[in-house]
PDB file of all heavy atoms in Angstrom:
ATOM      1  N   GLU A   1      -0.892  22.256  19.206  1.00  0.00           N
ATOM      2  CA  GLU A   1      -1.829  21.469  18.418  1.00  0.00           C
ATOM      3  C   GLU A   1      -1.280  21.291  17.005  1.00  0.00           C
ATOM      4  O   GLU A   1      -0.954  22.254  16.326  1.00  0.00           O
ATOM      5  CB  GLU A   1      -3.198  22.159  18.359  1.00  0.00           C
ATOM      6  CG  GLU A   1      -3.926  22.204  19.699  1.00  0.00           C
ATOM      7  CD  GLU A   1      -4.273  20.808  20.202  1.00  0.00           C
ATOM      8  OE1 GLU A   1      -4.636  19.951  19.374  1.00  0.00           O
ATOM      9  OE2 GLU A   1      -4.155  20.580  21.426  1.00  0.00           O
ATOM     10  N   CYS A   2      -1.182  20.043  16.573  1.00  0.00           N
ATOM     11  CA  CYS A   2      -0.601  19.765  15.256  1.00  0.00           C
ATOM     12  C   CYS A   2      -1.235  18.503  14.692  1.00  0.00           C
ATOM     13  O   CYS A   2      -1.403  17.507  15.409  1.00  0.00           O
ATOM     14  CB  CYS A   2       0.917  19.591  15.378  1.00  0.00           C
ATOM     15  SG  CYS A   2       1.730  19.046  13.859  1.00  0.00           S
ATOM     16  N   ARG A   3      -1.585  18.541  13.412  1.00  0.00           N
ATOM     17  CA  ARG A   3      -2.062  17.359  12.700  1.00  0.00           C
ATOM     18  C   ARG A   3      -1.010  16.961  11.664  1.00  0.00           C
ATOM     19  O   ARG A   3      -0.358  17.814  11.074  1.00  0.00           O
ATOM     20  CB  ARG A   3      -3.420  17.631  12.032  1.00  0.00           C
ATOM     21  CG  ARG A   3      -4.567  17.700  13.039  1.00  0.00           C
ATOM     22  CD  ARG A   3      -5.837  18.222  12.404  1.00  0.00           C
ATOM     23  NE  ARG A   3      -6.446  17.293  11.453  1.00  0.00           N
ATOM     24  CZ  ARG A   3      -7.322  16.345  11.776  1.00  0.00           C
ATOM     25  NH1 ARG A   3      -7.682  16.189  13.055  1.00  0.00           N
ATOM     26  NH2 ARG A   3      -7.858  15.570  10.845  1.00  0.00           N
ATOM     27  N   PHE A   4      -0.872  15.649  11.460  1.00  0.00           N
ATOM     28  CA  PHE A   4       0.227  15.105  10.655  1.00  0.00           C
ATOM     29  C   PHE A   4      -0.339  14.213   9.562  1.00  0.00           C
ATOM     30  O   PHE A   4      -1.142  13.309   9.835  1.00  0.00           O
ATOM     31  CB  PHE A   4       1.151  14.302  11.569  1.00  0.00           C
ATOM     32  CG  PHE A   4       2.377  13.728  10.913  1.00  0.00           C
ATOM     33  CD1 PHE A   4       3.605  14.346  11.066  1.00  0.00           C
ATOM     34  CD2 PHE A   4       2.308  12.551  10.169  1.00  0.00           C
ATOM     35  CE1 PHE A   4       4.751  13.806  10.481  1.00  0.00           C
ATOM     36  CE2 PHE A   4       3.439  12.008   9.586  1.00  0.00           C
ATOM     37  CZ  PHE A   4       4.674  12.640   9.742  1.00  0.00           C
ATOM     38  N   LEU A   5       0.085  14.452   8.314  1.00  0.00           N
ATOM     39  CA  LEU A   5      -0.312  13.590   7.203  1.00  0.00           C
ATOM     40  C   LEU A   5       0.888  12.774   6.748  1.00  0.00           C
ATOM     41  O   LEU A   5       1.908  13.341   6.330  1.00  0.00           O
ATOM     42  CB  LEU A   5      -0.843  14.402   6.024  1.00  0.00           C
ATOM     43  CG  LEU A   5      -1.358  13.531   4.858  1.00  0.00           C
ATOM     44  CD1 LEU A   5      -2.742  12.982   5.186  1.00  0.00           C
ATOM     45  CD2 LEU A   5      -1.393  14.300   3.545  1.00  0.00           C
ATOM     46  N   TYR A   6       0.754  11.460   6.815  1.00  0.00           N
ATOM     47  CA  TYR A   6       1.769  10.584   6.256  1.00  0.00           C
ATOM     48  C   TYR A   6       1.304  10.137   4.876  1.00  0.00           C
ATOM     49  O   TYR A   6       0.212   9.581   4.721  1.00  0.00           O
ATOM     50  CB  TYR A   6       2.017   9.351   7.128  1.00  0.00           C
ATOM     51  CG  TYR A   6       2.907   8.369   6.411  1.00  0.00           C
ATOM     52  CD1 TYR A   6       4.255   8.650   6.238  1.00  0.00           C
ATOM     53  CD2 TYR A   6       2.390   7.210   5.824  1.00  0.00           C
ATOM     54  CE1 TYR A   6       5.076   7.800   5.518  1.00  0.00           C
ATOM     55  CE2 TYR A   6       3.204   6.352   5.110  1.00  0.00           C
ATOM     56  CZ  TYR A   6       4.549   6.658   4.956  1.00  0.00           C
ATOM     57  OH  TYR A   6       5.350   5.825   4.224  1.00  0.00           O
ATOM     58  N   VAL A   7       2.148  10.361   3.868  1.00  0.00           N
ATOM     59  CA  VAL A   7       1.823   9.970   2.500  1.00  0.00           C
ATOM     60  C   VAL A   7       2.524   8.652   2.180  1.00  0.00           C
ATOM     61  O   VAL A   7       3.745   8.600   2.049  1.00  0.00           O
ATOM     62  CB  VAL A   7       2.227  11.069   1.498  1.00  0.00           C
ATOM     63  CG1 VAL A   7       1.964  10.593   0.068  1.00  0.00           C
ATOM     64  CG2 VAL A   7       1.456  12.351   1.775  1.00  0.00           C
ATOM     65  N   GLY A   8       1.735   7.597   2.082  1.00  0.00           N
ATOM     66  CA  GLY A   8       2.255   6.288   1.736  1.00  0.00           C
ATOM     67  C   GLY A   8       2.187   6.062   0.244  1.00  0.00           C
ATOM     68  O   GLY A   8       2.324   6.989  -0.557  1.00  0.00           O
ATOM     69  N   SER A   9       1.935   4.820  -0.163  1.00  0.00           N
ATOM     70  CA  SER A   9       1.905   4.507  -1.589  1.00  0.00           C
ATOM     71  C   SER A   9       1.090   3.248  -1.844  1.00  0.00           C
ATOM     72  O   SER A   9       1.194   2.268  -1.104  1.00  0.00           O
ATOM     73  CB  SER A   9       3.324   4.297  -2.126  1.00  0.00           C
ATOM     74  OG  SER A   9       3.289   3.823  -3.460  1.00  0.00           O
ATOM     75  N   ALA A  10       0.309   3.271  -2.922  1.00  0.00           N
ATOM     76  CA  ALA A  10      -0.420   2.073  -3.339  1.00  0.00           C
ATOM     77  C   ALA A  10       0.527   0.992  -3.832  1.00  0.00           C
ATOM     78  O   ALA A  10       0.127  -0.170  -3.955  1.00  0.00           O
ATOM     79  CB  ALA A  10      -1.428   2.428  -4.422  1.00  0.00           C
ATOM     80  N   ASP A  11       1.793   1.336  -4.094  1.00  0.00           N
ATOM     81  CA  ASP A  11       2.785   0.318  -4.446  1.00  0.00           C
ATOM     82  C   ASP A  11       2.936  -0.717  -3.334  1.00  0.00           C
ATOM     83  O   ASP A  11       3.382  -1.840  -3.581  1.00  0.00           O
ATOM     84  CB  ASP A  11       4.147   0.972  -4.706  1.00  0.00           C
ATOM     85  CG  ASP A  11       4.402   1.208  -6.180  1.00  0.00           C
ATOM     86  OD1 ASP A  11       3.453   1.055  -6.976  1.00  0.00           O
ATOM     87  OD2 ASP A  11       5.536   1.555  -6.540  1.00  0.00           O
ATOM     88  N   SER A  12       2.561  -0.345  -2.122  1.00  0.00           N
ATOM     89  CA  SER A  12       2.689  -1.260  -0.996  1.00  0.00           C
ATOM     90  C   SER A  12       1.761  -2.470  -1.115  1.00  0.00           C
ATOM     91  O   SER A  12       1.964  -3.476  -0.431  1.00  0.00           O
ATOM     92  CB  SER A  12       2.418  -0.524   0.320  1.00  0.00           C
ATOM     93  OG  SER A  12       3.418   0.453   0.562  1.00  0.00           O
ATOM     94  N   TYR A  13       0.745  -2.390  -1.972  1.00  0.00           N
ATOM     95  CA  TYR A  13      -0.110  -3.559  -2.198  1.00  0.00           C
ATOM     96  C   TYR A  13       0.651  -4.662  -2.925  1.00  0.00           C
ATOM     97  O   TYR A  13       0.263  -5.831  -2.872  1.00  0.00           O
ATOM     98  CB  TYR A  13      -1.336  -3.173  -3.028  1.00  0.00           C
ATOM     99  CG  TYR A  13      -2.341  -2.326  -2.287  1.00  0.00           C
ATOM    100  CD1 TYR A  13      -2.670  -1.057  -2.735  1.00  0.00           C
ATOM    101  CD2 TYR A  13      -2.978  -2.802  -1.142  1.00  0.00           C
ATOM    102  CE1 TYR A  13      -3.591  -0.268  -2.068  1.00  0.00           C
ATOM    103  CE2 TYR A  13      -3.903  -2.027  -0.460  1.00  0.00           C
ATOM    104  CZ  TYR A  13      -4.209  -0.752  -0.930  1.00  0.00           C
ATOM    105  OH  TYR A  13      -5.123   0.022  -0.262  1.00  0.00           O
ATOM    106  N   GLY A  14       1.706  -4.297  -3.625  1.00  0.00           N
ATOM    107  CA  GLY A  14       2.531  -5.277  -4.304  1.00  0.00           C
ATOM    108  C   GLY A  14       2.005  -5.672  -5.667  1.00  0.00           C
ATOM    109  O   GLY A  14       1.073  -5.066  -6.198  1.00  0.00           O
ATOM    110  N   ILE A  15       2.614  -6.691  -6.235  1.00  0.00           N
ATOM    111  CA  ILE A  15       2.255  -7.123  -7.590  1.00  0.00           C
ATOM    112  C   ILE A  15       1.443  -8.406  -7.594  1.00  0.00           C
ATOM    113  O   ILE A  15       0.923  -8.808  -8.632  1.00  0.00           O
ATOM    114  CB  ILE A  15       3.516  -7.322  -8.455  1.00  0.00           C
ATOM    115  CG1 ILE A  15       4.434  -8.372  -7.845  1.00  0.00           C
ATOM    116  CG2 ILE A  15       4.241  -6.013  -8.659  1.00  0.00           C
ATOM    117  CD1 ILE A  15       5.655  -8.674  -8.693  1.00  0.00           C
ATOM    118  N   ASP A  16       1.311  -9.052  -6.431  1.00  0.00           N
ATOM    119  CA  ASP A  16       0.526 -10.288  -6.354  1.00  0.00           C
ATOM    120  C   ASP A  16      -0.919  -9.949  -6.023  1.00  0.00           C
ATOM    121  O   ASP A  16      -1.456 -10.332  -4.985  1.00  0.00           O
ATOM    122  CB  ASP A  16       1.114 -11.234  -5.304  1.00  0.00           C
ATOM    123  CG  ASP A  16       2.527 -11.649  -5.652  1.00  0.00           C
ATOM    124  OD1 ASP A  16       2.770 -11.906  -6.843  1.00  0.00           O
ATOM    125  OD2 ASP A  16       3.369 -11.704  -4.748  1.00  0.00           O
ATOM    126  N   VAL A  17      -1.540  -9.199  -6.922  1.00  0.00           N
ATOM    127  CA  VAL A  17      -2.926  -8.776  -6.729  1.00  0.00           C
ATOM    128  C   VAL A  17      -3.816  -9.810  -7.406  1.00  0.00           C
ATOM    129  O   VAL A  17      -3.951  -9.835  -8.624  1.00  0.00           O
ATOM    130  CB  VAL A  17      -3.164  -7.376  -7.333  1.00  0.00           C
ATOM    131  CG1 VAL A  17      -4.612  -6.971  -7.139  1.00  0.00           C
ATOM    132  CG2 VAL A  17      -2.231  -6.366  -6.693  1.00  0.00           C
ATOM    133  N   SER A  18      -4.403 -10.692  -6.602  1.00  0.00           N
ATOM    134  CA  SER A  18      -5.176 -11.799  -7.169  1.00  0.00           C
ATOM    135  C   SER A  18      -6.679 -11.564  -7.107  1.00  0.00           C
ATOM    136  O   SER A  18      -7.439 -12.172  -7.860  1.00  0.00           O
ATOM    137  CB  SER A  18      -4.843 -13.102  -6.434  1.00  0.00           C
ATOM    138  OG  SER A  18      -5.078 -12.963  -5.046  1.00  0.00           O
ATOM    139  N   ASP A  19      -7.131 -10.695  -6.202  1.00  0.00           N
ATOM    140  CA  ASP A  19      -8.569 -10.473  -6.060  1.00  0.00           C
ATOM    141  C   ASP A  19      -9.088  -9.617  -7.208  1.00  0.00           C
ATOM    142  O   ASP A  19      -8.505  -8.589  -7.535  1.00  0.00           O
ATOM    143  CB  ASP A  19      -8.865  -9.770  -4.729  1.00  0.00           C
ATOM    144  CG  ASP A  19      -8.459 -10.614  -3.540  1.00  0.00           C
ATOM    145  OD1 ASP A  19      -8.474 -11.844  -3.682  1.00  0.00           O
ATOM    146  OD2 ASP A  19      -8.130 -10.044  -2.497  1.00  0.00           O
ATOM    147  N   PRO A  20     -10.193 -10.009  -7.840  1.00  0.00           N
ATOM    148  CA  PRO A  20     -10.761  -9.186  -8.902  1.00  0.00           C
ATOM    149  C   PRO A  20     -11.381  -7.915  -8.315  1.00  0.00           C
ATOM    150  O   PRO A  20     -11.755  -7.870  -7.153  1.00  0.00           O
ATOM    151  CB  PRO A  20     -11.835 -10.092  -9.508  1.00  0.00           C
ATOM    152  CG  PRO A  20     -12.231 -11.016  -8.395  1.00  0.00           C
ATOM    153  CD  PRO A  20     -10.987 -11.234  -7.599  1.00  0.00           C
ATOM    154  N   GLY A  21     -11.477  -6.902  -9.156  1.00  0.00           N
ATOM    155  CA  GLY A  21     -12.103  -5.664  -8.705  1.00  0.00           C
ATOM    156  C   GLY A  21     -11.114  -4.713  -8.086  1.00  0.00           C
ATOM    157  O   GLY A  21      -9.921  -5.006  -7.969  1.00  0.00           O
ATOM    158  N   PRO A  22     -11.584  -3.545  -7.668  1.00  0.00           N
ATOM    159  CA  PRO A  22     -10.676  -2.515  -7.165  1.00  0.00           C
ATOM    160  C   PRO A  22     -10.086  -2.853  -5.802  1.00  0.00           C
ATOM    161  O   PRO A  22     -10.717  -3.522  -4.985  1.00  0.00           O
ATOM    162  CB  PRO A  22     -11.583  -1.283  -7.074  1.00  0.00           C
ATOM    163  CG  PRO A  22     -12.953  -1.838  -6.854  1.00  0.00           C
ATOM    164  CD  PRO A  22     -12.994  -3.105  -7.662  1.00  0.00           C
ATOM    165  N   LEU A  23      -8.858  -2.379  -5.584  1.00  0.00           N
ATOM    166  CA  LEU A  23      -8.222  -2.498  -4.271  1.00  0.00           C
ATOM    167  C   LEU A  23      -8.901  -1.545  -3.298  1.00  0.00           C
ATOM    168  O   LEU A  23      -9.274  -0.426  -3.650  1.00  0.00           O
ATOM    169  CB  LEU A  23      -6.742  -2.164  -4.374  1.00  0.00           C
ATOM    170  CG  LEU A  23      -5.881  -3.176  -5.129  1.00  0.00           C
ATOM    171  CD1 LEU A  23      -4.539  -2.562  -5.494  1.00  0.00           C
ATOM    172  CD2 LEU A  23      -5.681  -4.437  -4.299  1.00  0.00           C
ATOM    173  N   LYS A  24      -9.019  -1.990  -2.055  1.00  0.00           N
ATOM    174  CA  LYS A  24      -9.599  -1.166  -0.996  1.00  0.00           C
ATOM    175  C   LYS A  24      -8.594  -1.045   0.143  1.00  0.00           C
ATOM    176  O   LYS A  24      -7.614  -1.788   0.206  1.00  0.00           O
ATOM    177  CB  LYS A  24     -10.908  -1.772  -0.493  1.00  0.00           C
ATOM    178  CG  LYS A  24     -11.997  -1.870  -1.566  1.00  0.00           C
ATOM    179  CD  LYS A  24     -13.256  -2.503  -1.013  1.00  0.00           C
ATOM    180  CE  LYS A  24     -14.315  -2.679  -2.092  1.00  0.00           C
ATOM    181  NZ  LYS A  24     -14.858  -1.378  -2.536  1.00  0.00           N
ATOM    182  N   GLU A  25      -8.865  -0.130   1.058  1.00  0.00           N
ATOM    183  CA  GLU A  25      -7.924   0.153   2.143  1.00  0.00           C
ATOM    184  C   GLU A  25      -7.625  -1.069   3.010  1.00  0.00           C
ATOM    185  O   GLU A  25      -6.555  -1.157   3.610  1.00  0.00           O
ATOM    186  CB  GLU A  25      -8.466   1.282   3.024  1.00  0.00           C
ATOM    187  CG  GLU A  25      -8.363   2.667   2.422  1.00  0.00           C
ATOM    188  CD  GLU A  25      -9.513   3.048   1.516  1.00  0.00           C
ATOM    189  OE1 GLU A  25     -10.364   2.160   1.229  1.00  0.00           O
ATOM    190  OE2 GLU A  25      -9.585   4.204   1.077  1.00  0.00           O
ATOM    191  N   ASN A  26      -8.562  -2.017   3.076  1.00  0.00           N
ATOM    192  CA  ASN A  26      -8.348  -3.195   3.930  1.00  0.00           C
ATOM    193  C   ASN A  26      -7.690  -4.359   3.210  1.00  0.00           C
ATOM    194  O   ASN A  26      -7.543  -5.449   3.775  1.00  0.00           O
ATOM    195  CB  ASN A  26      -9.667  -3.644   4.553  1.00  0.00           C
ATOM    196  CG  ASN A  26     -10.714  -4.033   3.509  1.00  0.00           C
ATOM    197  OD1 ASN A  26     -10.462  -3.938   2.308  1.00  0.00           O
ATOM    198  ND2 ASN A  26     -11.887  -4.445   3.966  1.00  0.00           N
ATOM    199  N   CYS A  27      -7.261  -4.159   1.961  1.00  0.00           N
ATOM    200  CA  CYS A  27      -6.547  -5.222   1.246  1.00  0.00           C
ATOM    201  C   CYS A  27      -5.149  -5.409   1.854  1.00  0.00           C
ATOM    202  O   CYS A  27      -4.542  -4.450   2.331  1.00  0.00           O
ATOM    203  CB  CYS A  27      -6.423  -4.877  -0.234  1.00  0.00           C
ATOM    204  SG  CYS A  27      -7.989  -4.987  -1.150  1.00  0.00           S
ATOM    205  N   PRO A  28      -4.631  -6.633   1.840  1.00  0.00           N
ATOM    206  CA  PRO A  28      -3.299  -6.874   2.429  1.00  0.00           C
ATOM    207  C   PRO A  28      -2.203  -6.169   1.649  1.00  0.00           C
ATOM    208  O   PRO A  28      -2.302  -5.970   0.437  1.00  0.00           O
ATOM    209  CB  PRO A  28      -3.140  -8.392   2.353  1.00  0.00           C
ATOM    210  CG  PRO A  28      -4.061  -8.814   1.247  1.00  0.00           C
ATOM    211  CD  PRO A  28      -5.223  -7.880   1.302  1.00  0.00           C
ATOM    212  N   LEU A  29      -1.149  -5.789   2.375  1.00  0.00           N
ATOM    213  CA  LEU A  29       0.023  -5.175   1.762  1.00  0.00           C
ATOM    214  C   LEU A  29       1.066  -6.258   1.531  1.00  0.00           C
ATOM    215  O   LEU A  29       1.478  -6.947   2.467  1.00  0.00           O
ATOM    216  CB  LEU A  29       0.584  -4.071   2.659  1.00  0.00           C
ATOM    217  CG  LEU A  29      -0.391  -2.951   3.042  1.00  0.00           C
ATOM    218  CD1 LEU A  29       0.320  -1.896   3.899  1.00  0.00           C
ATOM    219  CD2 LEU A  29      -1.007  -2.301   1.810  1.00  0.00           C
ATOM    220  N   ARG A  30       1.514  -6.377   0.272  1.00  0.00           N
ATOM    221  CA  ARG A  30       2.534  -7.377  -0.087  1.00  0.00           C
ATOM    222  C   ARG A  30       3.621  -6.686  -0.902  1.00  0.00           C
ATOM    223  O   ARG A  30       3.787  -6.964  -2.095  1.00  0.00           O
ATOM    224  CB  ARG A  30       1.904  -8.510  -0.888  1.00  0.00           C
ATOM    225  CG  ARG A  30       0.756  -9.251  -0.206  1.00  0.00           C
ATOM    226  CD  ARG A  30       0.338 -10.434  -1.062  1.00  0.00           C
ATOM    227  NE  ARG A  30      -0.799 -11.162  -0.508  1.00  0.00           N
ATOM    228  CZ  ARG A  30      -2.052 -11.006  -0.894  1.00  0.00           C
ATOM    229  NH1 ARG A  30      -2.332 -10.118  -1.841  1.00  0.00           N
ATOM    230  NH2 ARG A  30      -3.024 -11.712  -0.357  1.00  0.00           N
ATOM    231  N   PRO A  31       4.364  -5.772  -0.310  1.00  0.00           N
ATOM    232  CA  PRO A  31       5.335  -4.977  -1.073  1.00  0.00           C
ATOM    233  C   PRO A  31       6.387  -5.851  -1.746  1.00  0.00           C
ATOM    234  O   PRO A  31       6.870  -6.824  -1.165  1.00  0.00           O
ATOM    235  CB  PRO A  31       5.946  -4.054  -0.023  1.00  0.00           C
ATOM    236  CG  PRO A  31       5.690  -4.733   1.290  1.00  0.00           C
ATOM    237  CD  PRO A  31       4.396  -5.457   1.131  1.00  0.00           C
ATOM    238  N   ALA A  32       6.766  -5.454  -2.981  1.00  0.00           N
ATOM    239  CA  ALA A  32       7.659  -6.288  -3.782  1.00  0.00           C
ATOM    240  C   ALA A  32       9.008  -5.651  -4.067  1.00  0.00           C
ATOM    241  O   ALA A  32       9.800  -6.205  -4.824  1.00  0.00           O
ATOM    242  CB  ALA A  32       6.976  -6.643  -5.108  1.00  0.00           C
ATOM    243  N   ASN A  33       9.288  -4.488  -3.469  1.00  0.00           N
ATOM    244  CA  ASN A  33      10.585  -3.841  -3.648  1.00  0.00           C
ATOM    245  C   ASN A  33      10.860  -2.981  -2.423  1.00  0.00           C
ATOM    246  O   ASN A  33       9.947  -2.714  -1.628  1.00  0.00           O
ATOM    247  CB  ASN A  33      10.613  -3.019  -4.941  1.00  0.00           C
ATOM    248  CG  ASN A  33       9.501  -1.993  -4.995  1.00  0.00           C
ATOM    249  OD1 ASN A  33       9.486  -1.046  -4.222  1.00  0.00           O
ATOM    250  ND2 ASN A  33       8.557  -2.164  -5.926  1.00  0.00           N
ATOM    251  N   PRO A  34      12.092  -2.547  -2.220  1.00  0.00           N
ATOM    252  CA  PRO A  34      12.416  -1.762  -1.017  1.00  0.00           C
ATOM    253  C   PRO A  34      11.616  -0.470  -0.903  1.00  0.00           C
ATOM    254  O   PRO A  34      11.276  -0.056   0.210  1.00  0.00           O
ATOM    255  CB  PRO A  34      13.915  -1.482  -1.175  1.00  0.00           C
ATOM    256  CG  PRO A  34      14.421  -2.623  -1.997  1.00  0.00           C
ATOM    257  CD  PRO A  34      13.319  -2.928  -2.974  1.00  0.00           C
ATOM    258  N   TYR A  35      11.330   0.195  -2.030  1.00  0.00           N
ATOM    259  CA  TYR A  35      10.508   1.408  -1.954  1.00  0.00           C
ATOM    260  C   TYR A  35       9.146   1.082  -1.351  1.00  0.00           C
ATOM    261  O   TYR A  35       8.718   1.714  -0.372  1.00  0.00           O
ATOM    262  CB  TYR A  35      10.320   2.019  -3.348  1.00  0.00           C
ATOM    263  CG  TYR A  35       9.200   3.022  -3.385  1.00  0.00           C
ATOM    264  CD1 TYR A  35       9.327   4.267  -2.765  1.00  0.00           C
ATOM    265  CD2 TYR A  35       7.992   2.720  -4.023  1.00  0.00           C
ATOM    266  CE1 TYR A  35       8.274   5.178  -2.772  1.00  0.00           C
ATOM    267  CE2 TYR A  35       6.946   3.628  -4.036  1.00  0.00           C
ATOM    268  CZ  TYR A  35       7.091   4.854  -3.414  1.00  0.00           C
ATOM    269  OH  TYR A  35       6.047   5.752  -3.418  1.00  0.00           O
ATOM    270  N   ALA A  36       8.441   0.109  -1.923  1.00  0.00           N
ATOM    271  CA  ALA A  36       7.105  -0.230  -1.452  1.00  0.00           C
ATOM    272  C   ALA A  36       7.127  -0.724  -0.009  1.00  0.00           C
ATOM    273  O   ALA A  36       6.254  -0.379   0.799  1.00  0.00           O
ATOM    274  CB  ALA A  36       6.493  -1.285  -2.367  1.00  0.00           C
ATOM    275  N   ALA A  37       8.131  -1.531   0.335  1.00  0.00           N
ATOM    276  CA  ALA A  37       8.217  -2.073   1.689  1.00  0.00           C
ATOM    277  C   ALA A  37       8.533  -0.985   2.709  1.00  0.00           C
ATOM    278  O   ALA A  37       7.974  -0.956   3.816  1.00  0.00           O
ATOM    279  CB  ALA A  37       9.273  -3.172   1.740  1.00  0.00           C
ATOM    280  N   SER A  38       9.419  -0.063   2.346  1.00  0.00           N
ATOM    281  CA  SER A  38       9.763   1.013   3.282  1.00  0.00           C
ATOM    282  C   SER A  38       8.571   1.942   3.503  1.00  0.00           C
ATOM    283  O   SER A  38       8.368   2.440   4.616  1.00  0.00           O
ATOM    284  CB  SER A  38      10.965   1.805   2.757  1.00  0.00           C
ATOM    285  OG  SER A  38      10.672   2.428   1.517  1.00  0.00           O
ATOM    286  N   LYS A  39       7.769   2.162   2.461  1.00  0.00           N
ATOM    287  CA  LYS A  39       6.573   2.994   2.622  1.00  0.00           C
ATOM    288  C   LYS A  39       5.530   2.280   3.487  1.00  0.00           C
ATOM    289  O   LYS A  39       4.859   2.907   4.314  1.00  0.00           O
ATOM    290  CB  LYS A  39       5.985   3.339   1.255  1.00  0.00           C
ATOM    291  CG  LYS A  39       6.890   4.188   0.370  1.00  0.00           C
ATOM    292  CD  LYS A  39       7.148   5.568   0.965  1.00  0.00           C
ATOM    293  CE  LYS A  39       5.980   6.509   0.739  1.00  0.00           C
ATOM    294  NZ  LYS A  39       6.290   7.887   1.209  1.00  0.00           N
TER     295      LYS A  39
END
């Protein structure tokens, strides 16, 4: 029995954040660099 935590990054949302207000888990991911895209 084993549980696994994958630690991603909010950088994966990218820099084209056009929606006002806070980002939520269901917002699209638009990574803008290899770090963000690989995560």
